[in-house]
N, C-alpha and C. Protein backbone atom coordinates (compact mmCIF):
# COMPACT_ATOMS: atom_id res chain seq x y z
N MET A 1 0.84 -1.18 0.00
CA MET A 1 0.00 0.00 0.00
C MET A 1 0.89 1.24 0.00
N SER A 2 0.46 2.24 -0.75
CA SER A 2 1.25 3.47 -0.80
C SER A 2 0.81 4.49 0.24
N VAL A 3 -0.39 4.34 0.81
CA VAL A 3 -0.86 5.24 1.88
C VAL A 3 -0.82 4.45 3.18
N SER A 4 -0.15 4.99 4.17
CA SER A 4 -0.07 4.33 5.47
C SER A 4 -1.28 4.73 6.32
N TYR A 5 -1.51 3.94 7.35
CA TYR A 5 -2.58 4.27 8.27
C TYR A 5 -2.33 5.64 8.91
N ASP A 6 -1.09 5.91 9.27
CA ASP A 6 -0.77 7.21 9.89
C ASP A 6 -1.06 8.38 8.95
N GLN A 7 -0.77 8.21 7.66
CA GLN A 7 -1.09 9.27 6.70
C GLN A 7 -2.60 9.48 6.60
N ALA A 8 -3.35 8.39 6.60
CA ALA A 8 -4.81 8.49 6.54
C ALA A 8 -5.35 9.18 7.80
N TRP A 9 -4.82 8.80 8.94
CA TRP A 9 -5.23 9.41 10.21
C TRP A 9 -4.95 10.91 10.20
N ASP A 10 -3.76 11.28 9.76
CA ASP A 10 -3.40 12.71 9.71
C ASP A 10 -4.31 13.47 8.75
N LEU A 11 -4.58 12.90 7.59
CA LEU A 11 -5.47 13.57 6.64
C LEU A 11 -6.86 13.76 7.23
N LEU A 12 -7.40 12.71 7.83
CA LEU A 12 -8.72 12.81 8.44
C LEU A 12 -8.76 13.96 9.44
N HIS A 13 -7.75 14.05 10.29
CA HIS A 13 -7.75 15.09 11.32
C HIS A 13 -7.41 16.48 10.76
N ASP A 14 -6.69 16.53 9.66
CA ASP A 14 -6.45 17.83 9.00
C ASP A 14 -7.73 18.37 8.38
N TRP A 15 -8.54 17.49 7.84
CA TRP A 15 -9.72 17.91 7.10
C TRP A 15 -11.01 17.88 7.91
N THR A 16 -11.01 17.23 9.05
CA THR A 16 -12.25 17.04 9.82
C THR A 16 -12.07 17.55 11.24
N SER A 17 -12.94 18.48 11.63
CA SER A 17 -12.91 18.97 13.02
C SER A 17 -14.16 18.56 13.79
N SER A 18 -15.20 18.14 13.11
CA SER A 18 -16.46 17.75 13.75
C SER A 18 -16.27 16.46 14.56
N ALA A 19 -16.59 16.53 15.83
CA ALA A 19 -16.47 15.35 16.70
C ALA A 19 -17.37 14.22 16.21
N SER A 20 -18.56 14.55 15.73
CA SER A 20 -19.47 13.49 15.27
C SER A 20 -18.94 12.82 14.00
N LEU A 21 -18.33 13.59 13.09
CA LEU A 21 -17.76 12.97 11.88
C LEU A 21 -16.51 12.15 12.21
N LEU A 22 -15.73 12.59 13.18
CA LEU A 22 -14.57 11.80 13.59
C LEU A 22 -15.02 10.48 14.22
N LEU A 23 -16.08 10.54 15.04
CA LEU A 23 -16.63 9.31 15.61
C LEU A 23 -17.15 8.40 14.51
N HIS A 24 -17.85 8.97 13.54
CA HIS A 24 -18.37 8.17 12.43
C HIS A 24 -17.22 7.49 11.69
N ALA A 25 -16.15 8.21 11.43
CA ALA A 25 -15.00 7.62 10.73
C ALA A 25 -14.43 6.45 11.52
N LYS A 26 -14.29 6.60 12.82
CA LYS A 26 -13.72 5.54 13.65
C LYS A 26 -14.66 4.33 13.74
N THR A 27 -15.97 4.58 13.82
CA THR A 27 -16.90 3.45 13.91
C THR A 27 -16.96 2.68 12.59
N VAL A 28 -16.97 3.40 11.48
CA VAL A 28 -16.97 2.71 10.18
C VAL A 28 -15.65 1.97 9.99
N GLU A 29 -14.56 2.56 10.44
CA GLU A 29 -13.27 1.85 10.37
C GLU A 29 -13.35 0.53 11.13
N ALA A 30 -13.89 0.54 12.35
CA ALA A 30 -13.98 -0.68 13.16
C ALA A 30 -14.83 -1.74 12.46
N VAL A 31 -15.91 -1.32 11.85
CA VAL A 31 -16.77 -2.25 11.13
C VAL A 31 -16.03 -2.80 9.91
N MET A 32 -15.31 -1.94 9.21
CA MET A 32 -14.60 -2.39 8.00
C MET A 32 -13.46 -3.35 8.34
N VAL A 33 -12.81 -3.16 9.47
CA VAL A 33 -11.76 -4.11 9.88
C VAL A 33 -12.37 -5.49 10.06
N ARG A 34 -13.50 -5.53 10.73
CA ARG A 34 -14.18 -6.82 10.93
C ARG A 34 -14.69 -7.37 9.59
N ALA A 35 -15.17 -6.48 8.72
CA ALA A 35 -15.66 -6.90 7.41
C ALA A 35 -14.55 -7.51 6.56
N ALA A 36 -13.32 -7.04 6.74
CA ALA A 36 -12.19 -7.61 5.99
C ALA A 36 -12.07 -9.10 6.26
N HIS A 37 -12.43 -9.51 7.46
CA HIS A 37 -12.34 -10.93 7.82
C HIS A 37 -13.55 -11.73 7.36
N ARG A 38 -14.69 -11.08 7.24
CA ARG A 38 -15.89 -11.80 6.80
C ARG A 38 -16.06 -11.78 5.28
N PHE A 39 -15.77 -10.64 4.65
CA PHE A 39 -16.05 -10.49 3.22
C PHE A 39 -14.80 -10.37 2.37
N GLY A 40 -13.66 -10.19 3.01
CA GLY A 40 -12.41 -10.03 2.29
C GLY A 40 -11.45 -11.18 2.56
N ARG A 41 -10.16 -10.84 2.55
CA ARG A 41 -9.11 -11.85 2.72
C ARG A 41 -8.50 -11.82 4.12
N GLY A 42 -9.25 -11.35 5.09
CA GLY A 42 -8.78 -11.35 6.47
C GLY A 42 -7.67 -10.36 6.70
N ALA A 43 -6.64 -10.82 7.41
CA ALA A 43 -5.54 -9.94 7.80
C ALA A 43 -4.88 -9.27 6.60
N ALA A 44 -4.86 -9.93 5.46
CA ALA A 44 -4.25 -9.35 4.26
C ALA A 44 -4.98 -8.08 3.81
N ASP A 45 -6.26 -7.97 4.14
CA ASP A 45 -7.06 -6.81 3.73
C ASP A 45 -7.27 -5.79 4.85
N GLU A 46 -6.92 -6.14 6.05
CA GLU A 46 -7.28 -5.31 7.20
C GLU A 46 -6.89 -3.84 7.06
N GLN A 47 -5.65 -3.55 6.73
CA GLN A 47 -5.21 -2.15 6.67
C GLN A 47 -5.94 -1.38 5.56
N ARG A 48 -6.06 -1.97 4.39
CA ARG A 48 -6.74 -1.29 3.28
C ARG A 48 -8.20 -1.02 3.63
N TRP A 49 -8.87 -1.98 4.22
CA TRP A 49 -10.28 -1.82 4.58
C TRP A 49 -10.43 -0.81 5.73
N ALA A 50 -9.49 -0.82 6.67
CA ALA A 50 -9.52 0.15 7.77
C ALA A 50 -9.39 1.58 7.23
N ILE A 51 -8.43 1.78 6.35
CA ILE A 51 -8.21 3.11 5.77
C ILE A 51 -9.44 3.54 4.96
N THR A 52 -10.06 2.62 4.27
CA THR A 52 -11.27 2.94 3.50
C THR A 52 -12.37 3.45 4.43
N GLY A 53 -12.59 2.73 5.52
CA GLY A 53 -13.59 3.18 6.49
C GLY A 53 -13.24 4.50 7.12
N LEU A 54 -11.98 4.68 7.44
CA LEU A 54 -11.52 5.91 8.10
C LEU A 54 -11.67 7.13 7.20
N LEU A 55 -11.38 6.97 5.91
CA LEU A 55 -11.35 8.13 5.00
C LEU A 55 -12.61 8.35 4.18
N HIS A 56 -13.61 7.50 4.27
CA HIS A 56 -14.73 7.57 3.32
C HIS A 56 -15.45 8.91 3.33
N ASP A 57 -15.47 9.61 4.45
CA ASP A 57 -16.11 10.93 4.53
C ASP A 57 -15.12 12.03 4.93
N ALA A 58 -13.83 11.79 4.72
CA ALA A 58 -12.80 12.70 5.22
C ALA A 58 -12.94 14.13 4.72
N ASP A 59 -13.48 14.32 3.53
CA ASP A 59 -13.59 15.67 2.98
C ASP A 59 -14.95 16.32 3.25
N TYR A 60 -15.86 15.61 3.89
CA TYR A 60 -17.23 16.11 4.05
C TYR A 60 -17.32 17.33 4.97
N ASP A 61 -16.57 17.34 6.04
CA ASP A 61 -16.65 18.44 7.00
C ASP A 61 -16.22 19.77 6.37
N ARG A 62 -15.13 19.75 5.64
CA ARG A 62 -14.58 20.98 5.06
C ARG A 62 -15.23 21.34 3.72
N TRP A 63 -15.55 20.34 2.91
CA TRP A 63 -16.09 20.58 1.57
C TRP A 63 -17.32 19.72 1.32
N PRO A 64 -18.42 19.93 2.01
CA PRO A 64 -19.59 19.06 1.86
C PRO A 64 -20.15 19.03 0.43
N ASP A 65 -20.07 20.15 -0.28
CA ASP A 65 -20.60 20.19 -1.64
C ASP A 65 -19.69 19.51 -2.65
N ASP A 66 -18.47 19.23 -2.25
CA ASP A 66 -17.50 18.61 -3.14
C ASP A 66 -17.21 17.15 -2.75
N HIS A 67 -17.90 16.66 -1.75
CA HIS A 67 -17.70 15.30 -1.23
C HIS A 67 -18.17 14.27 -2.25
N PRO A 68 -17.45 13.20 -2.50
CA PRO A 68 -16.14 12.80 -1.99
C PRO A 68 -14.99 13.07 -2.96
N ARG A 69 -15.19 14.05 -3.85
CA ARG A 69 -14.17 14.33 -4.88
C ARG A 69 -12.77 14.55 -4.31
N ARG A 70 -12.68 15.32 -3.24
CA ARG A 70 -11.35 15.68 -2.72
C ARG A 70 -10.60 14.46 -2.20
N VAL A 71 -11.28 13.65 -1.40
CA VAL A 71 -10.58 12.49 -0.85
C VAL A 71 -10.29 11.46 -1.95
N VAL A 72 -11.20 11.32 -2.91
CA VAL A 72 -10.95 10.40 -4.02
C VAL A 72 -9.73 10.87 -4.81
N SER A 73 -9.64 12.16 -5.10
CA SER A 73 -8.47 12.70 -5.82
C SER A 73 -7.19 12.47 -5.04
N TRP A 74 -7.24 12.72 -3.74
CA TRP A 74 -6.07 12.53 -2.88
C TRP A 74 -5.59 11.08 -2.96
N LEU A 75 -6.52 10.14 -2.95
CA LEU A 75 -6.17 8.72 -3.02
C LEU A 75 -5.63 8.34 -4.39
N VAL A 76 -6.24 8.84 -5.45
CA VAL A 76 -5.77 8.55 -6.80
C VAL A 76 -4.34 9.08 -6.99
N GLU A 77 -4.09 10.28 -6.50
CA GLU A 77 -2.74 10.87 -6.60
C GLU A 77 -1.70 10.01 -5.87
N ARG A 78 -2.12 9.25 -4.89
CA ARG A 78 -1.21 8.42 -4.11
C ARG A 78 -1.28 6.94 -4.51
N ASP A 79 -1.83 6.69 -5.69
CA ASP A 79 -1.88 5.35 -6.27
C ASP A 79 -2.64 4.36 -5.39
N GLU A 80 -3.82 4.77 -4.95
CA GLU A 80 -4.73 3.90 -4.19
C GLU A 80 -6.07 3.81 -4.91
N PRO A 81 -6.08 3.26 -6.13
CA PRO A 81 -7.33 3.22 -6.91
C PRO A 81 -8.42 2.36 -6.28
N GLU A 82 -8.05 1.30 -5.58
CA GLU A 82 -9.06 0.42 -4.99
C GLU A 82 -9.85 1.15 -3.90
N ILE A 83 -9.15 1.87 -3.03
CA ILE A 83 -9.82 2.63 -1.98
C ILE A 83 -10.61 3.78 -2.60
N ALA A 84 -10.02 4.45 -3.59
CA ALA A 84 -10.70 5.56 -4.25
C ALA A 84 -12.01 5.08 -4.88
N HIS A 85 -11.99 3.91 -5.51
CA HIS A 85 -13.20 3.38 -6.14
C HIS A 85 -14.26 3.06 -5.09
N ALA A 86 -13.86 2.44 -4.00
CA ALA A 86 -14.83 2.09 -2.95
C ALA A 86 -15.49 3.35 -2.39
N ILE A 87 -14.70 4.40 -2.18
CA ILE A 87 -15.26 5.64 -1.65
C ILE A 87 -16.16 6.30 -2.69
N SER A 88 -15.80 6.21 -3.96
CA SER A 88 -16.67 6.73 -5.03
C SER A 88 -17.99 5.97 -5.07
N ALA A 89 -17.93 4.64 -4.93
CA ALA A 89 -19.13 3.81 -5.00
C ALA A 89 -20.03 4.00 -3.78
N HIS A 90 -19.45 4.36 -2.64
CA HIS A 90 -20.29 4.54 -1.45
C HIS A 90 -21.17 5.78 -1.57
N TYR A 91 -20.76 6.71 -2.43
CA TYR A 91 -21.55 7.92 -2.67
C TYR A 91 -22.45 7.62 -3.87
N THR A 92 -23.59 7.03 -3.60
CA THR A 92 -24.43 6.45 -4.66
C THR A 92 -24.91 7.47 -5.68
N ARG A 93 -24.90 8.75 -5.35
CA ARG A 93 -25.34 9.77 -6.32
C ARG A 93 -24.42 9.83 -7.53
N TRP A 94 -23.20 9.36 -7.40
CA TRP A 94 -22.28 9.36 -8.53
C TRP A 94 -22.59 8.23 -9.50
N GLY A 95 -23.30 7.23 -9.07
CA GLY A 95 -23.63 6.11 -9.95
C GLY A 95 -22.47 5.19 -10.24
N VAL A 96 -21.45 5.19 -9.39
CA VAL A 96 -20.31 4.28 -9.56
C VAL A 96 -20.70 2.93 -9.00
N ALA A 97 -20.54 1.88 -9.78
CA ALA A 97 -20.95 0.54 -9.35
C ALA A 97 -20.07 0.02 -8.22
N ALA A 98 -20.72 -0.62 -7.27
CA ALA A 98 -20.00 -1.31 -6.19
C ALA A 98 -19.63 -2.69 -6.72
N GLU A 99 -18.39 -2.84 -7.17
CA GLU A 99 -17.97 -4.04 -7.89
C GLU A 99 -17.23 -5.06 -7.04
N THR A 100 -16.47 -4.60 -6.07
CA THR A 100 -15.61 -5.50 -5.30
C THR A 100 -16.19 -5.72 -3.90
N PRO A 101 -15.70 -6.74 -3.20
CA PRO A 101 -16.14 -6.90 -1.81
C PRO A 101 -15.89 -5.65 -0.96
N LEU A 102 -14.78 -4.96 -1.19
CA LEU A 102 -14.49 -3.73 -0.46
C LEU A 102 -15.56 -2.67 -0.74
N ASP A 103 -15.89 -2.48 -2.00
CA ASP A 103 -16.92 -1.52 -2.40
C ASP A 103 -18.24 -1.83 -1.71
N ARG A 104 -18.64 -3.10 -1.80
CA ARG A 104 -19.94 -3.50 -1.26
C ARG A 104 -19.98 -3.41 0.26
N ALA A 105 -18.88 -3.77 0.91
CA ALA A 105 -18.85 -3.70 2.38
C ALA A 105 -18.97 -2.26 2.87
N LEU A 106 -18.28 -1.33 2.20
CA LEU A 106 -18.39 0.07 2.61
C LEU A 106 -19.80 0.60 2.38
N LEU A 107 -20.36 0.30 1.23
CA LEU A 107 -21.72 0.75 0.93
C LEU A 107 -22.70 0.20 1.96
N ALA A 108 -22.57 -1.07 2.31
CA ALA A 108 -23.50 -1.69 3.26
C ALA A 108 -23.28 -1.23 4.69
N SER A 109 -22.11 -0.72 5.00
CA SER A 109 -21.78 -0.42 6.39
C SER A 109 -21.85 1.06 6.76
N ASP A 110 -21.68 1.95 5.82
CA ASP A 110 -21.60 3.38 6.12
C ASP A 110 -22.86 3.91 6.82
N GLU A 111 -23.96 3.95 6.11
CA GLU A 111 -25.19 4.52 6.67
C GLU A 111 -25.69 3.71 7.87
N LEU A 112 -25.62 2.40 7.76
CA LEU A 112 -26.15 1.55 8.82
C LEU A 112 -25.32 1.67 10.10
N THR A 113 -24.02 1.83 9.98
CA THR A 113 -23.20 2.03 11.16
C THR A 113 -23.60 3.33 11.86
N GLY A 114 -23.75 4.40 11.10
CA GLY A 114 -24.19 5.66 11.69
C GLY A 114 -25.53 5.53 12.38
N PHE A 115 -26.43 4.78 11.79
CA PHE A 115 -27.75 4.59 12.36
C PHE A 115 -27.67 3.79 13.66
N ILE A 116 -26.87 2.74 13.66
CA ILE A 116 -26.72 1.91 14.87
C ILE A 116 -26.07 2.71 15.99
N VAL A 117 -25.13 3.57 15.66
CA VAL A 117 -24.54 4.46 16.68
C VAL A 117 -25.63 5.35 17.26
N ALA A 118 -26.47 5.93 16.41
CA ALA A 118 -27.57 6.78 16.89
C ALA A 118 -28.51 6.00 17.80
N CYS A 119 -28.84 4.78 17.43
CA CYS A 119 -29.69 3.93 18.27
C CYS A 119 -29.04 3.68 19.63
N SER A 120 -27.74 3.45 19.63
CA SER A 120 -27.02 3.17 20.88
C SER A 120 -27.01 4.38 21.80
N LEU A 121 -26.90 5.55 21.22
CA LEU A 121 -26.78 6.77 22.04
C LEU A 121 -28.07 7.16 22.75
N VAL A 122 -29.20 6.64 22.32
CA VAL A 122 -30.47 6.99 22.98
C VAL A 122 -30.94 5.89 23.93
N ARG A 123 -30.14 4.86 24.11
CA ARG A 123 -30.51 3.76 25.01
C ARG A 123 -29.71 3.87 26.30
N PRO A 124 -30.35 3.71 27.45
CA PRO A 124 -29.60 3.75 28.72
C PRO A 124 -28.48 2.71 28.77
N GLU A 125 -28.69 1.55 28.14
CA GLU A 125 -27.67 0.49 28.15
C GLU A 125 -26.70 0.62 26.98
N GLY A 126 -26.91 1.62 26.14
CA GLY A 126 -26.06 1.79 24.96
C GLY A 126 -26.16 0.60 24.02
N ILE A 127 -25.04 0.21 23.46
CA ILE A 127 -25.03 -0.88 22.47
C ILE A 127 -25.09 -2.25 23.13
N THR A 128 -24.86 -2.30 24.44
CA THR A 128 -24.72 -3.59 25.12
C THR A 128 -25.93 -4.50 25.00
N THR A 129 -27.13 -3.93 24.91
CA THR A 129 -28.34 -4.75 24.79
C THR A 129 -29.08 -4.49 23.48
N LEU A 130 -28.46 -3.79 22.56
CA LEU A 130 -29.12 -3.45 21.30
C LEU A 130 -29.31 -4.71 20.45
N ALA A 131 -30.51 -4.90 19.96
CA ALA A 131 -30.85 -6.06 19.13
C ALA A 131 -31.25 -5.59 17.74
N PRO A 132 -31.06 -6.44 16.73
CA PRO A 132 -31.48 -6.07 15.39
C PRO A 132 -32.95 -5.64 15.31
N SER A 133 -33.82 -6.27 16.08
CA SER A 133 -35.24 -5.91 16.02
C SER A 133 -35.46 -4.46 16.45
N SER A 134 -34.70 -3.99 17.43
CA SER A 134 -34.82 -2.59 17.87
C SER A 134 -34.34 -1.64 16.79
N VAL A 135 -33.26 -2.01 16.11
CA VAL A 135 -32.73 -1.16 15.04
C VAL A 135 -33.73 -1.11 13.89
N LYS A 136 -34.29 -2.25 13.52
CA LYS A 136 -35.27 -2.29 12.43
C LYS A 136 -36.51 -1.46 12.77
N LYS A 137 -36.93 -1.49 14.02
CA LYS A 137 -38.08 -0.68 14.44
C LYS A 137 -37.76 0.81 14.28
N LYS A 138 -36.55 1.20 14.68
CA LYS A 138 -36.15 2.61 14.55
C LYS A 138 -36.01 3.00 13.08
N LEU A 139 -35.58 2.07 12.22
CA LEU A 139 -35.47 2.38 10.79
C LEU A 139 -36.82 2.77 10.20
N LYS A 140 -37.89 2.20 10.73
CA LYS A 140 -39.23 2.52 10.24
C LYS A 140 -39.69 3.91 10.67
N ASP A 141 -39.08 4.44 11.73
CA ASP A 141 -39.43 5.77 12.24
C ASP A 141 -38.59 6.80 11.48
N ARG A 142 -39.16 7.38 10.46
CA ARG A 142 -38.42 8.30 9.57
C ARG A 142 -37.94 9.56 10.30
N SER A 143 -38.53 9.89 11.45
CA SER A 143 -38.10 11.08 12.18
C SER A 143 -36.84 10.80 13.02
N PHE A 144 -36.55 9.52 13.29
CA PHE A 144 -35.36 9.18 14.06
C PHE A 144 -34.16 9.12 13.12
N ALA A 145 -33.09 9.84 13.47
CA ALA A 145 -31.89 9.90 12.61
C ALA A 145 -32.32 10.13 11.17
N ALA A 146 -33.07 11.20 10.98
CA ALA A 146 -33.73 11.49 9.70
C ALA A 146 -32.77 11.62 8.53
N LYS A 147 -31.52 11.97 8.79
CA LYS A 147 -30.57 12.14 7.68
C LYS A 147 -30.05 10.82 7.13
N VAL A 148 -30.29 9.73 7.84
CA VAL A 148 -29.84 8.43 7.35
C VAL A 148 -30.74 8.00 6.20
N ASP A 149 -30.12 7.71 5.08
CA ASP A 149 -30.83 7.33 3.87
C ASP A 149 -31.21 5.85 3.94
N ARG A 150 -32.47 5.60 4.25
CA ARG A 150 -32.95 4.22 4.40
C ARG A 150 -32.82 3.43 3.10
N GLU A 151 -32.99 4.08 1.98
CA GLU A 151 -32.84 3.39 0.70
C GLU A 151 -31.39 2.95 0.49
N GLU A 152 -30.45 3.76 0.93
CA GLU A 152 -29.05 3.38 0.81
C GLU A 152 -28.72 2.19 1.72
N VAL A 153 -29.36 2.15 2.89
CA VAL A 153 -29.20 0.99 3.77
C VAL A 153 -29.65 -0.26 3.03
N ARG A 154 -30.82 -0.21 2.39
CA ARG A 154 -31.35 -1.35 1.66
C ARG A 154 -30.43 -1.74 0.49
N LEU A 155 -30.02 -0.73 -0.28
CA LEU A 155 -29.13 -0.99 -1.41
C LEU A 155 -27.84 -1.66 -0.95
N GLY A 156 -27.31 -1.20 0.16
CA GLY A 156 -26.05 -1.74 0.67
C GLY A 156 -26.14 -3.20 1.05
N VAL A 157 -27.16 -3.56 1.83
CA VAL A 157 -27.26 -4.96 2.23
C VAL A 157 -27.58 -5.85 1.03
N ASP A 158 -28.38 -5.33 0.09
CA ASP A 158 -28.65 -6.10 -1.13
C ASP A 158 -27.37 -6.34 -1.92
N ALA A 159 -26.55 -5.30 -2.07
CA ALA A 159 -25.31 -5.43 -2.82
C ALA A 159 -24.35 -6.41 -2.16
N LEU A 160 -24.35 -6.41 -0.82
CA LEU A 160 -23.45 -7.30 -0.08
C LEU A 160 -23.97 -8.74 -0.07
N GLY A 161 -25.27 -8.90 -0.34
CA GLY A 161 -25.86 -10.23 -0.39
C GLY A 161 -26.12 -10.82 0.99
N VAL A 162 -26.48 -9.97 1.94
CA VAL A 162 -26.78 -10.42 3.29
C VAL A 162 -28.18 -9.93 3.67
N SER A 163 -28.71 -10.52 4.73
CA SER A 163 -30.00 -10.04 5.21
C SER A 163 -29.77 -8.82 6.10
N LEU A 164 -30.78 -7.98 6.18
CA LEU A 164 -30.69 -6.80 7.04
C LEU A 164 -30.43 -7.21 8.48
N ASP A 165 -31.14 -8.20 8.99
CA ASP A 165 -30.95 -8.66 10.37
C ASP A 165 -29.50 -9.10 10.61
N ASP A 166 -28.97 -9.89 9.67
CA ASP A 166 -27.59 -10.38 9.84
C ASP A 166 -26.58 -9.25 9.80
N HIS A 167 -26.79 -8.26 8.92
CA HIS A 167 -25.81 -7.18 8.84
C HIS A 167 -25.91 -6.25 10.05
N ILE A 168 -27.10 -6.03 10.54
CA ILE A 168 -27.24 -5.24 11.77
C ILE A 168 -26.50 -5.94 12.90
N ARG A 169 -26.71 -7.24 13.05
CA ARG A 169 -26.01 -8.00 14.11
C ARG A 169 -24.50 -7.93 13.90
N PHE A 170 -24.06 -8.06 12.66
CA PHE A 170 -22.63 -7.98 12.35
C PHE A 170 -22.05 -6.64 12.81
N ILE A 171 -22.73 -5.54 12.51
CA ILE A 171 -22.23 -4.21 12.88
C ILE A 171 -22.26 -4.02 14.39
N ILE A 172 -23.33 -4.45 15.04
CA ILE A 172 -23.38 -4.37 16.51
C ILE A 172 -22.20 -5.12 17.11
N ASP A 173 -21.96 -6.33 16.62
CA ASP A 173 -20.86 -7.15 17.14
C ASP A 173 -19.49 -6.52 16.86
N ALA A 174 -19.37 -5.80 15.75
CA ALA A 174 -18.11 -5.12 15.43
C ALA A 174 -17.87 -3.91 16.34
N LEU A 175 -18.95 -3.23 16.71
CA LEU A 175 -18.83 -2.01 17.52
C LEU A 175 -18.76 -2.29 19.02
N ALA A 176 -19.43 -3.34 19.48
CA ALA A 176 -19.56 -3.61 20.91
C ALA A 176 -18.21 -3.66 21.66
N PRO A 177 -17.16 -4.29 21.11
CA PRO A 177 -15.89 -4.31 21.84
C PRO A 177 -15.27 -2.92 22.02
N HIS A 178 -15.72 -1.94 21.25
CA HIS A 178 -15.18 -0.58 21.31
C HIS A 178 -16.15 0.39 21.98
N ALA A 179 -17.17 -0.15 22.64
CA ALA A 179 -18.24 0.68 23.20
C ALA A 179 -17.68 1.79 24.09
N GLY A 180 -16.73 1.47 24.93
CA GLY A 180 -16.15 2.48 25.82
C GLY A 180 -15.41 3.57 25.07
N ASP A 181 -14.63 3.18 24.08
CA ASP A 181 -13.87 4.15 23.28
C ASP A 181 -14.77 5.07 22.48
N PHE A 182 -15.90 4.54 22.02
CA PHE A 182 -16.80 5.30 21.14
C PHE A 182 -17.96 5.96 21.88
N GLY A 183 -18.03 5.79 23.20
CA GLY A 183 -19.13 6.37 23.96
C GLY A 183 -20.46 5.68 23.72
N LEU A 184 -20.40 4.39 23.41
CA LEU A 184 -21.61 3.63 23.08
C LEU A 184 -22.04 2.70 24.21
N GLY A 185 -21.35 2.77 25.34
CA GLY A 185 -21.71 1.93 26.48
C GLY A 185 -22.90 2.51 27.22
N PRO A 186 -23.17 1.96 28.40
CA PRO A 186 -24.28 2.49 29.20
C PRO A 186 -24.15 3.99 29.41
N GLN A 187 -25.28 4.67 29.23
CA GLN A 187 -25.31 6.13 29.35
C GLN A 187 -25.58 6.53 30.81
N PRO A 188 -24.89 7.56 31.29
CA PRO A 188 -25.13 7.98 32.68
C PRO A 188 -26.57 8.48 32.84
N ARG A 189 -27.16 8.11 33.96
CA ARG A 189 -28.53 8.56 34.23
C ARG A 189 -28.48 9.98 34.78
N PRO A 190 -29.45 10.82 34.38
CA PRO A 190 -29.48 12.17 34.93
C PRO A 190 -29.74 12.13 36.43
N ALA A 191 -29.12 13.04 37.14
CA ALA A 191 -29.29 13.11 38.59
C ALA A 191 -30.71 13.57 38.93
N ASP A 192 -31.26 13.02 40.03
CA ASP A 192 -32.57 13.46 40.49
C ASP A 192 -32.48 14.90 41.00
N PRO A 193 -33.51 15.71 40.71
CA PRO A 193 -33.47 17.12 41.18
C PRO A 193 -33.60 17.25 42.66
């Protein structure tokens, strides 16, 4: 690989100041690392898939109207066409086909990971007791996490060839070991007045 994890980390932090976008990058990275073992070649793919998850929205905070052109260009300039293509394909408005397991895993994991994080943050127990049925119920409530594109969630799981229930469980299981780092564990109860 011509782009190191440290270079990707530095770029993300140079271009992104939003705490919520940084959290999203880290959660999608964690899911993509696990996806490398389920849908890719395991350890051989881990770094590439991690960087893909980390950088997929790296330019959104600074240049939302130009997303993901800037990060795709940065990757192409550094001879990372596979990651650049996956990030292009995850932005479905461009109409770039999700052709590889990396492309499909990012597409299936991006929106749904953000949604599962949102579900975790409103539960007193956080992600620790979150079940696919609860996530699916929240998906039907269009006012909850309204910016999450439900159609993109459907397209992603269809492209990956998995059921929605299985992919929700997969993402929960990928995030749960990092609950403390990501603030997804049990939420503090408000003090009584």
